Amino acid sequence: ELSDASGDSPERVETALSLLGERFAEGRSGIV
């Protein structure tokens, strides 16, 4: 669904999710 909405490949979406996972991690951010 994220790939369809963003118009990007699933592989790049997964890479971007990894980046967001680091940015929005428990203890680092108010949202996880």
Full PDB file with SEQRES, HELIX, SHEET, SSBOND, CRYST1, ORIGX, SCALE, CONECT and MASTER records, all heavy atoms in Angstrom:
SEQRES   1 A   32  GLU LEU SER ASP ALA SER GLY ASP SER PRO GLU ARG VAL          
SEQRES   2 A   32  GLU THR ALA LEU SER LEU LEU GLY GLU ARG PHE ALA GLU          
SEQRES   3 A   32  GLY ARG SER GLY ILE VAL                                      
HELIX    1 AA1 LEU A    2  SER A    6  1                                   5    
HELIX    2 AA2 PRO A   10  ARG A   23  1                                  14    
CRYST1    1.000    1.000    1.000  90.00  90.00  90.00 P 1           1          
ORIGX1      1.000000  0.000000  0.000000        0.00000                         
ORIGX2      0.000000  1.000000  0.000000        0.00000                         
ORIGX3      0.000000  0.000000  1.000000        0.00000                         
SCALE1      1.000000  0.000000  0.000000        0.00000                         
SCALE2      0.000000  1.000000  0.000000        0.00000                         
SCALE3      0.000000  0.000000  1.000000        0.00000                         
ATOM      1  N   GLU A   1       0.833  -1.208   0.000  1.00  0.00           N  
ATOM      2  CA  GLU A   1       0.000   0.000   0.000  1.00  0.00           C  
ATOM      3  C   GLU A   1       0.867   1.258   0.000  1.00  0.00           C  
ATOM      4  O   GLU A   1       0.567   2.237  -0.697  1.00  0.00           O  
ATOM      5  CB  GLU A   1      -0.924   0.003   1.215  1.00  0.00           C  
ATOM      6  CG  GLU A   1      -2.034  -1.041   1.134  1.00  0.00           C  
ATOM      7  CD  GLU A   1      -2.776  -1.221   2.446  1.00  0.00           C  
ATOM      8  OE1 GLU A   1      -2.143  -1.165   3.522  1.00  0.00           O  
ATOM      9  OE2 GLU A   1      -4.013  -1.437   2.394  1.00  0.00           O  
ATOM     10  N   LEU A   2       1.956   1.230   0.774  1.00  0.00           N  
ATOM     11  CA  LEU A   2       2.874   2.374   0.798  1.00  0.00           C  
ATOM     12  C   LEU A   2       3.559   2.552  -0.549  1.00  0.00           C  
ATOM     13  O   LEU A   2       3.770   3.671  -1.008  1.00  0.00           O  
ATOM     14  CB  LEU A   2       3.908   2.188   1.909  1.00  0.00           C  
ATOM     15  CG  LEU A   2       3.378   2.319   3.336  1.00  0.00           C  
ATOM     16  CD1 LEU A   2       4.408   1.804   4.339  1.00  0.00           C  
ATOM     17  CD2 LEU A   2       2.990   3.759   3.649  1.00  0.00           C  
ATOM     18  N   SER A   3       3.896   1.440  -1.193  1.00  0.00           N  
ATOM     19  CA  SER A   3       4.525   1.480  -2.514  1.00  0.00           C  
ATOM     20  C   SER A   3       3.570   2.087  -3.544  1.00  0.00           C  
ATOM     21  O   SER A   3       3.956   2.965  -4.324  1.00  0.00           O  
ATOM     22  CB  SER A   3       4.940   0.066  -2.931  1.00  0.00           C  
ATOM     23  OG  SER A   3       5.446   0.053  -4.242  1.00  0.00           O  
ATOM     24  N   ASP A   4       2.307   1.638  -3.527  1.00  0.00           N  
ATOM     25  CA  ASP A   4       1.306   2.167  -4.466  1.00  0.00           C  
ATOM     26  C   ASP A   4       1.090   3.661  -4.253  1.00  0.00           C  
ATOM     27  O   ASP A   4       1.036   4.435  -5.207  1.00  0.00           O  
ATOM     28  CB  ASP A   4      -0.021   1.427  -4.315  1.00  0.00           C  
ATOM     29  CG  ASP A   4       0.045  -0.016  -4.813  1.00  0.00           C  
ATOM     30  OD1 ASP A   4       1.007  -0.346  -5.549  1.00  0.00           O  
ATOM     31  OD2 ASP A   4      -0.844  -0.798  -4.445  1.00  0.00           O  
ATOM     32  N   ALA A   5       0.946   4.061  -2.989  1.00  0.00           N  
ATOM     33  CA  ALA A   5       0.646   5.462  -2.681  1.00  0.00           C  
ATOM     34  C   ALA A   5       1.819   6.380  -2.982  1.00  0.00           C  
ATOM     35  O   ALA A   5       1.633   7.504  -3.460  1.00  0.00           O  
ATOM     36  CB  ALA A   5       0.230   5.602  -1.216  1.00  0.00           C  
ATOM     37  N   SER A   6       3.031   5.906  -2.724  1.00  0.00           N  
ATOM     38  CA  SER A   6       4.215   6.749  -2.939  1.00  0.00           C  
ATOM     39  C   SER A   6       4.719   6.693  -4.376  1.00  0.00           C  
ATOM     40  O   SER A   6       5.511   7.533  -4.796  1.00  0.00           O  
ATOM     41  CB  SER A   6       5.344   6.331  -1.992  1.00  0.00           C  
ATOM     42  OG  SER A   6       5.802   5.015  -2.309  1.00  0.00           O  
ATOM     43  N   GLY A   7       4.269   5.664  -5.123  1.00  0.00           N  
ATOM     44  CA  GLY A   7       4.736   5.509  -6.497  1.00  0.00           C  
ATOM     45  C   GLY A   7       6.172   5.027  -6.582  1.00  0.00           C  
ATOM     46  O   GLY A   7       6.864   5.280  -7.567  1.00  0.00           O  
ATOM     47  N   ASP A   8       6.618   4.337  -5.533  1.00  0.00           N  
ATOM     48  CA  ASP A   8       7.999   3.862  -5.495  1.00  0.00           C  
ATOM     49  C   ASP A   8       8.008   2.345  -5.300  1.00  0.00           C  
ATOM     50  O   ASP A   8       6.986   1.746  -4.983  1.00  0.00           O  
ATOM     51  CB  ASP A   8       8.771   4.551  -4.364  1.00  0.00           C  
ATOM     52  CG  ASP A   8      10.202   4.876  -4.772  1.00  0.00           C  
ATOM     53  OD1 ASP A   8      10.861   3.976  -5.334  1.00  0.00           O  
ATOM     54  OD2 ASP A   8      10.650   6.007  -4.525  1.00  0.00           O  
ATOM     55  N   SER A   9       9.166   1.732  -5.468  1.00  0.00           N  
ATOM     56  CA  SER A   9       9.266   0.273  -5.395  1.00  0.00           C  
ATOM     57  C   SER A   9       9.161  -0.227  -3.955  1.00  0.00           C  
ATOM     58  O   SER A   9       9.559   0.484  -3.016  1.00  0.00           O  
ATOM     59  CB  SER A   9      10.596  -0.197  -5.991  1.00  0.00           C  
ATOM     60  OG  SER A   9      11.663   0.141  -5.114  1.00  0.00           O  
ATOM     61  N   PRO A  10       8.657  -1.446  -3.762  1.00  0.00           N  
ATOM     62  CA  PRO A  10       8.585  -2.023  -2.418  1.00  0.00           C  
ATOM     63  C   PRO A  10       9.947  -2.104  -1.733  1.00  0.00           C  
ATOM     64  O   PRO A  10      10.048  -1.902  -0.523  1.00  0.00           O  
ATOM     65  CB  PRO A  10       8.008  -3.425  -2.657  1.00  0.00           C  
ATOM     66  CG  PRO A  10       7.250  -3.314  -3.927  1.00  0.00           C  
ATOM     67  CD  PRO A  10       8.022  -2.320  -4.763  1.00  0.00           C  
ATOM     68  N   GLU A  11      11.012  -2.371  -2.519  1.00  0.00           N  
ATOM     69  CA  GLU A  11      12.351  -2.470  -1.940  1.00  0.00           C  
ATOM     70  C   GLU A  11      12.793  -1.128  -1.351  1.00  0.00           C  
ATOM     71  O   GLU A  11      13.340  -1.058  -0.250  1.00  0.00           O  
ATOM     72  CB  GLU A  11      13.371  -2.936  -2.997  1.00  0.00           C  
ATOM     73  CG  GLU A  11      13.145  -4.358  -3.496  1.00  0.00           C  
ATOM     74  CD  GLU A  11      12.003  -4.479  -4.495  1.00  0.00           C  
ATOM     75  OE1 GLU A  11      11.617  -3.451  -5.107  1.00  0.00           O  
ATOM     76  OE2 GLU A  11      11.472  -5.595  -4.647  1.00  0.00           O  
ATOM     77  N   ARG A  12      12.546  -0.045  -2.100  1.00  0.00           N  
ATOM     78  CA  ARG A  12      12.921   1.290  -1.601  1.00  0.00           C  
ATOM     79  C   ARG A  12      12.032   1.701  -0.430  1.00  0.00           C  
ATOM     80  O   ARG A  12      12.490   2.377   0.489  1.00  0.00           O  
ATOM     81  CB  ARG A  12      12.875   2.313  -2.736  1.00  0.00           C  
ATOM     82  CG  ARG A  12      14.099   2.196  -3.653  1.00  0.00           C  
ATOM     83  CD  ARG A  12      14.022   3.109  -4.859  1.00  0.00           C  
ATOM     84  NE  ARG A  12      13.484   4.422  -4.608  1.00  0.00           N  
ATOM     85  CZ  ARG A  12      14.221   5.493  -4.286  1.00  0.00           C  
ATOM     86  NH1 ARG A  12      15.524   5.384  -4.166  1.00  0.00           N  
ATOM     87  NH2 ARG A  12      13.654   6.672  -4.102  1.00  0.00           N  
ATOM     88  N   VAL A  13      10.770   1.283  -0.455  1.00  0.00           N  
ATOM     89  CA  VAL A  13       9.872   1.570   0.673  1.00  0.00           C  
ATOM     90  C   VAL A  13      10.401   0.896   1.938  1.00  0.00           C  
ATOM     91  O   VAL A  13      10.419   1.501   3.018  1.00  0.00           O  
ATOM     92  CB  VAL A  13       8.425   1.110   0.367  1.00  0.00           C  
ATOM     93  CG1 VAL A  13       7.573   1.084   1.623  1.00  0.00           C  
ATOM     94  CG2 VAL A  13       7.791   2.020  -0.685  1.00  0.00           C  
ATOM     95  N   GLU A  14      10.855  -0.351   1.811  1.00  0.00           N  
ATOM     96  CA  GLU A  14      11.401  -1.062   2.977  1.00  0.00           C  
ATOM     97  C   GLU A  14      12.658  -0.372   3.503  1.00  0.00           C  
ATOM     98  O   GLU A  14      12.859  -0.274   4.713  1.00  0.00           O  
ATOM     99  CB  GLU A  14      11.678  -2.523   2.623  1.00  0.00           C  
ATOM    100  CG  GLU A  14      10.407  -3.330   2.464  1.00  0.00           C  
ATOM    101  CD  GLU A  14      10.662  -4.779   2.094  1.00  0.00           C  
ATOM    102  OE1 GLU A  14      11.836  -5.152   1.876  1.00  0.00           O  
ATOM    103  OE2 GLU A  14       9.684  -5.538   2.006  1.00  0.00           O  
ATOM    104  N   THR A  15      13.494   0.134   2.601  1.00  0.00           N  
ATOM    105  CA  THR A  15      14.686   0.883   3.019  1.00  0.00           C  
ATOM    106  C   THR A  15      14.278   2.152   3.765  1.00  0.00           C  
ATOM    107  O   THR A  15      14.849   2.488   4.809  1.00  0.00           O  
ATOM    108  CB  THR A  15      15.550   1.246   1.791  1.00  0.00           C  
ATOM    109  OG1 THR A  15      15.921   0.048   1.113  1.00  0.00           O  
ATOM    110  CG2 THR A  15      16.794   2.004   2.208  1.00  0.00           C  
ATOM    111  N   ALA A  16      13.269   2.845   3.232  1.00  0.00           N  
ATOM    112  CA  ALA A  16      12.786   4.072   3.879  1.00  0.00           C  
ATOM    113  C   ALA A  16      12.162   3.766   5.241  1.00  0.00           C  
ATOM    114  O   ALA A  16      12.330   4.526   6.197  1.00  0.00           O  
ATOM    115  CB  ALA A  16      11.779   4.778   2.972  1.00  0.00           C  
ATOM    116  N   LEU A  17      11.467   2.635   5.349  1.00  0.00           N  
ATOM    117  CA  LEU A  17      10.878   2.232   6.631  1.00  0.00           C  
ATOM    118  C   LEU A  17      11.969   1.953   7.663  1.00  0.00           C  
ATOM    119  O   LEU A  17      11.816   2.279   8.843  1.00  0.00           O  
ATOM    120  CB  LEU A  17       9.985   0.998   6.447  1.00  0.00           C  
ATOM    121  CG  LEU A  17       8.609   1.264   5.831  1.00  0.00           C  
ATOM    122  CD1 LEU A  17       7.959  -0.055   5.415  1.00  0.00           C  
ATOM    123  CD2 LEU A  17       7.709   2.017   6.801  1.00  0.00           C  
ATOM    124  N   SER A  18      13.074   1.366   7.218  1.00  0.00           N  
ATOM    125  CA  SER A  18      14.202   1.136   8.133  1.00  0.00           C  
ATOM    126  C   SER A  18      14.752   2.454   8.654  1.00  0.00           C  
ATOM    127  O   SER A  18      15.064   2.591   9.842  1.00  0.00           O  
ATOM    128  CB  SER A  18      15.319   0.358   7.429  1.00  0.00           C  
ATOM    129  OG  SER A  18      14.882  -0.926   7.084  1.00  0.00           O  
ATOM    130  N   LEU A  19      14.841   3.422   7.768  1.00  0.00           N  
ATOM    131  CA  LEU A  19      15.310   4.753   8.158  1.00  0.00           C  
ATOM    132  C   LEU A  19      14.351   5.378   9.173  1.00  0.00           C  
ATOM    133  O   LEU A  19      14.781   5.919  10.203  1.00  0.00           O  
ATOM    134  CB  LEU A  19      15.420   5.631   6.912  1.00  0.00           C  
ATOM    135  CG  LEU A  19      16.040   7.016   7.068  1.00  0.00           C  
ATOM    136  CD1 LEU A  19      17.498   6.918   7.466  1.00  0.00           C  
ATOM    137  CD2 LEU A  19      15.900   7.793   5.771  1.00  0.00           C  
ATOM    138  N   LEU A  20      13.052   5.263   8.913  1.00  0.00           N  
ATOM    139  CA  LEU A  20      12.049   5.803   9.835  1.00  0.00           C  
ATOM    140  C   LEU A  20      12.067   5.035  11.164  1.00  0.00           C  
ATOM    141  O   LEU A  20      11.853   5.631  12.228  1.00  0.00           O  
ATOM    142  CB  LEU A  20      10.655   5.724   9.218  1.00  0.00           C  
ATOM    143  CG  LEU A  20      10.339   6.709   8.098  1.00  0.00           C  
ATOM    144  CD1 LEU A  20       8.979   6.425   7.499  1.00  0.00           C  
ATOM    145  CD2 LEU A  20      10.403   8.145   8.601  1.00  0.00           C  
ATOM    146  N   GLY A  21      12.316   3.735  11.090  1.00  0.00           N  
ATOM    147  CA  GLY A  21      12.367   2.927  12.309  1.00  0.00           C  
ATOM    148  C   GLY A  21      13.465   3.401  13.250  1.00  0.00           C  
ATOM    149  O   GLY A  21      13.291   3.386  14.473  1.00  0.00           O  
ATOM    150  N   GLU A  22      14.593   3.819  12.684  1.00  0.00           N  
ATOM    151  CA  GLU A  22      15.678   4.351  13.510  1.00  0.00           C  
ATOM    152  C   GLU A  22      15.315   5.723  14.078  1.00  0.00           C  
ATOM    153  O   GLU A  22      15.588   6.019  15.233  1.00  0.00           O  
ATOM    154  CB  GLU A  22      16.962   4.466  12.663  1.00  0.00           C  
ATOM    155  CG  GLU A  22      17.531   3.129  12.246  1.00  0.00           C  
ATOM    156  CD  GLU A  22      18.673   3.282  11.253  1.00  0.00           C  
ATOM    157  OE1 GLU A  22      19.177   4.416  11.079  1.00  0.00           O  
ATOM    158  OE2 GLU A  22      19.053   2.265  10.639  1.00  0.00           O  
ATOM    159  N   ARG A  23      14.680   6.535  13.240  1.00  0.00           N  
ATOM    160  CA  ARG A  23      14.316   7.890  13.659  1.00  0.00           C  
ATOM    161  C   ARG A  23      13.226   7.869  14.727  1.00  0.00           C  
ATOM    162  O   ARG A  23      13.250   8.657  15.667  1.00  0.00           O  
ATOM    163  CB  ARG A  23      13.836   8.674  12.437  1.00  0.00           C  
ATOM    164  CG  ARG A  23      13.633  10.165  12.669  1.00  0.00           C  
ATOM    165  CD  ARG A  23      13.226  10.852  11.383  1.00  0.00           C  
ATOM    166  NE  ARG A  23      14.202  10.645  10.333  1.00  0.00           N  
ATOM    167  CZ  ARG A  23      13.930  10.754   9.019  1.00  0.00           C  
ATOM    168  NH1 ARG A  23      12.718  11.062   8.632  1.00  0.00           N  
ATOM    169  NH2 ARG A  23      14.869  10.551   8.130  1.00  0.00           N  
ATOM    170  N   PHE A  24      12.245   6.968  14.559  1.00  0.00           N  
ATOM    171  CA  PHE A  24      11.112   6.893  15.481  1.00  0.00           C  
ATOM    172  C   PHE A  24      11.199   5.609  16.310  1.00  0.00           C  
ATOM    173  O   PHE A  24      10.334   4.742  16.245  1.00  0.00           O  
ATOM    174  CB  PHE A  24       9.785   6.944  14.715  1.00  0.00           C  
ATOM    175  CG  PHE A  24       9.571   8.246  13.990  1.00  0.00           C  
ATOM    176  CD1 PHE A  24       9.776   8.341  12.624  1.00  0.00           C  
ATOM    177  CD2 PHE A  24       9.189   9.390  14.679  1.00  0.00           C  
ATOM    178  CE1 PHE A  24       9.588   9.541  11.954  1.00  0.00           C  
ATOM    179  CE2 PHE A  24       9.007  10.592  14.024  1.00  0.00           C  
ATOM    180  CZ  PHE A  24       9.207  10.667  12.655  1.00  0.00           C  
ATOM    181  N   ALA A  25      12.250   5.505  17.091  1.00  0.00           N  
ATOM    182  CA  ALA A  25      12.467   4.335  17.940  1.00  0.00           C  
ATOM    183  C   ALA A  25      12.091   4.669  19.380  1.00  0.00           C  
ATOM    184  O   ALA A  25      12.153   5.832  19.798  1.00  0.00           O  
ATOM    185  CB  ALA A  25      13.928   3.898  17.863  1.00  0.00           C  
ATOM    186  N   GLU A  26      11.694   3.639  20.121  1.00  0.00           N  
ATOM    187  CA  GLU A  26      11.384   3.816  21.548  1.00  0.00           C  
ATOM    188  C   GLU A  26      12.592   4.435  22.239  1.00  0.00           C  
ATOM    189  O   GLU A  26      13.715   4.000  22.066  1.00  0.00           O  
ATOM    190  CB  GLU A  26      11.054   2.451  22.167  1.00  0.00           C  
ATOM    191  CG  GLU A  26      10.370   2.520  23.509  1.00  0.00           C  
ATOM    192  CD  GLU A  26       8.919   2.951  23.432  1.00  0.00           C  
ATOM    193  OE1 GLU A  26       8.112   2.274  22.755  1.00  0.00           O  
ATOM    194  OE2 GLU A  26       8.588   3.971  24.062  1.00  0.00           O  
ATOM    195  N   GLY A  27      12.361   5.495  23.010  1.00  0.00           N  
ATOM    196  CA  GLY A  27      13.442   6.165  23.720  1.00  0.00           C  
ATOM    197  C   GLY A  27      14.076   7.315  22.956  1.00  0.00           C  
ATOM    198  O   GLY A  27      14.801   8.111  23.523  1.00  0.00           O  
ATOM    199  N   ARG A  28      13.789   7.397  21.646  1.00  0.00           N  
ATOM    200  CA  ARG A  28      14.356   8.478  20.836  1.00  0.00           C  
ATOM    201  C   ARG A  28      13.315   9.489  20.406  1.00  0.00           C  
ATOM    202  O   ARG A  28      13.648  10.608  20.017  1.00  0.00           O  
ATOM    203  CB  ARG A  28      15.010   7.908  19.575  1.00  0.00           C  
ATOM    204  CG  ARG A  28      16.223   7.048  19.846  1.00  0.00           C  
ATOM    205  CD  ARG A  28      16.925   6.713  18.570  1.00  0.00           C  
ATOM    206  NE  ARG A  28      17.513   7.929  17.991  1.00  0.00           N  
ATOM    207  CZ  ARG A  28      18.135   7.963  16.836  1.00  0.00           C  
ATOM    208  NH1 ARG A  28      18.263   6.882  16.114  1.00  0.00           N  
ATOM    209  NH2 ARG A  28      18.645   9.084  16.375  1.00  0.00           N  
ATOM    210  N   SER A  29      12.034   9.072  20.439  1.00  0.00           N  
ATOM    211  CA  SER A  29      10.972   9.921  19.905  1.00  0.00           C  
ATOM    212  C   SER A  29       9.692   9.730  20.716  1.00  0.00           C  
ATOM    213  O   SER A  29       9.509   8.698  21.368  1.00  0.00           O  
ATOM    214  CB  SER A  29      10.724   9.553  18.432  1.00  0.00           C  
ATOM    215  OG  SER A  29       9.587  10.213  17.929  1.00  0.00           O  
ATOM    216  N   GLY A  30       8.825  10.716  20.651  1.00  0.00           N  
ATOM    217  CA  GLY A  30       7.527  10.608  21.333  1.00  0.00           C  
ATOM    218  C   GLY A  30       6.563   9.704  20.608  1.00  0.00           C  
ATOM    219  O   GLY A  30       5.584   9.240  21.196  1.00  0.00           O  
ATOM    220  N   ILE A  31       6.826   9.467  19.314  1.00  0.00           N  
ATOM    221  CA  ILE A  31       6.034   8.483  18.575  1.00  0.00           C  
ATOM    222  C   ILE A  31       6.969   7.395  18.077  1.00  0.00           C  
ATOM    223  O   ILE A  31       8.149   7.630  17.837  1.00  0.00           O  
ATOM    224  CB  ILE A  31       5.232   9.112  17.405  1.00  0.00           C  
ATOM    225  CG1 ILE A  31       6.153   9.868  16.444  1.00  0.00           C  
ATOM    226  CG2 ILE A  31       4.121  10.003  17.912  1.00  0.00           C  
ATOM    227  CD1 ILE A  31       5.448  10.384  15.218  1.00  0.00           C  
ATOM    228  N   VAL A  32       6.422   6.196  17.944  1.00  0.00           N  
ATOM    229  CA  VAL A  32       7.225   5.019  17.608  1.00  0.00           C  
ATOM    230  C   VAL A  32       6.627   4.342  16.383  1.00  0.00           C  
ATOM    231  O   VAL A  32       5.404   4.176  16.295  1.00  0.00           O  
ATOM    232  CB  VAL A  32       7.252   4.030  18.803  1.00  0.00           C  
ATOM    233  CG1 VAL A  32       8.014   2.767  18.441  1.00  0.00           C  
ATOM    234  CG2 VAL A  32       7.869   4.701  20.019  1.00  0.00           C  
TER     235      VAL A  32                                                      
MASTER        0    0    0    2    0    0    0    6  234    1    0    3          
END                                                                             
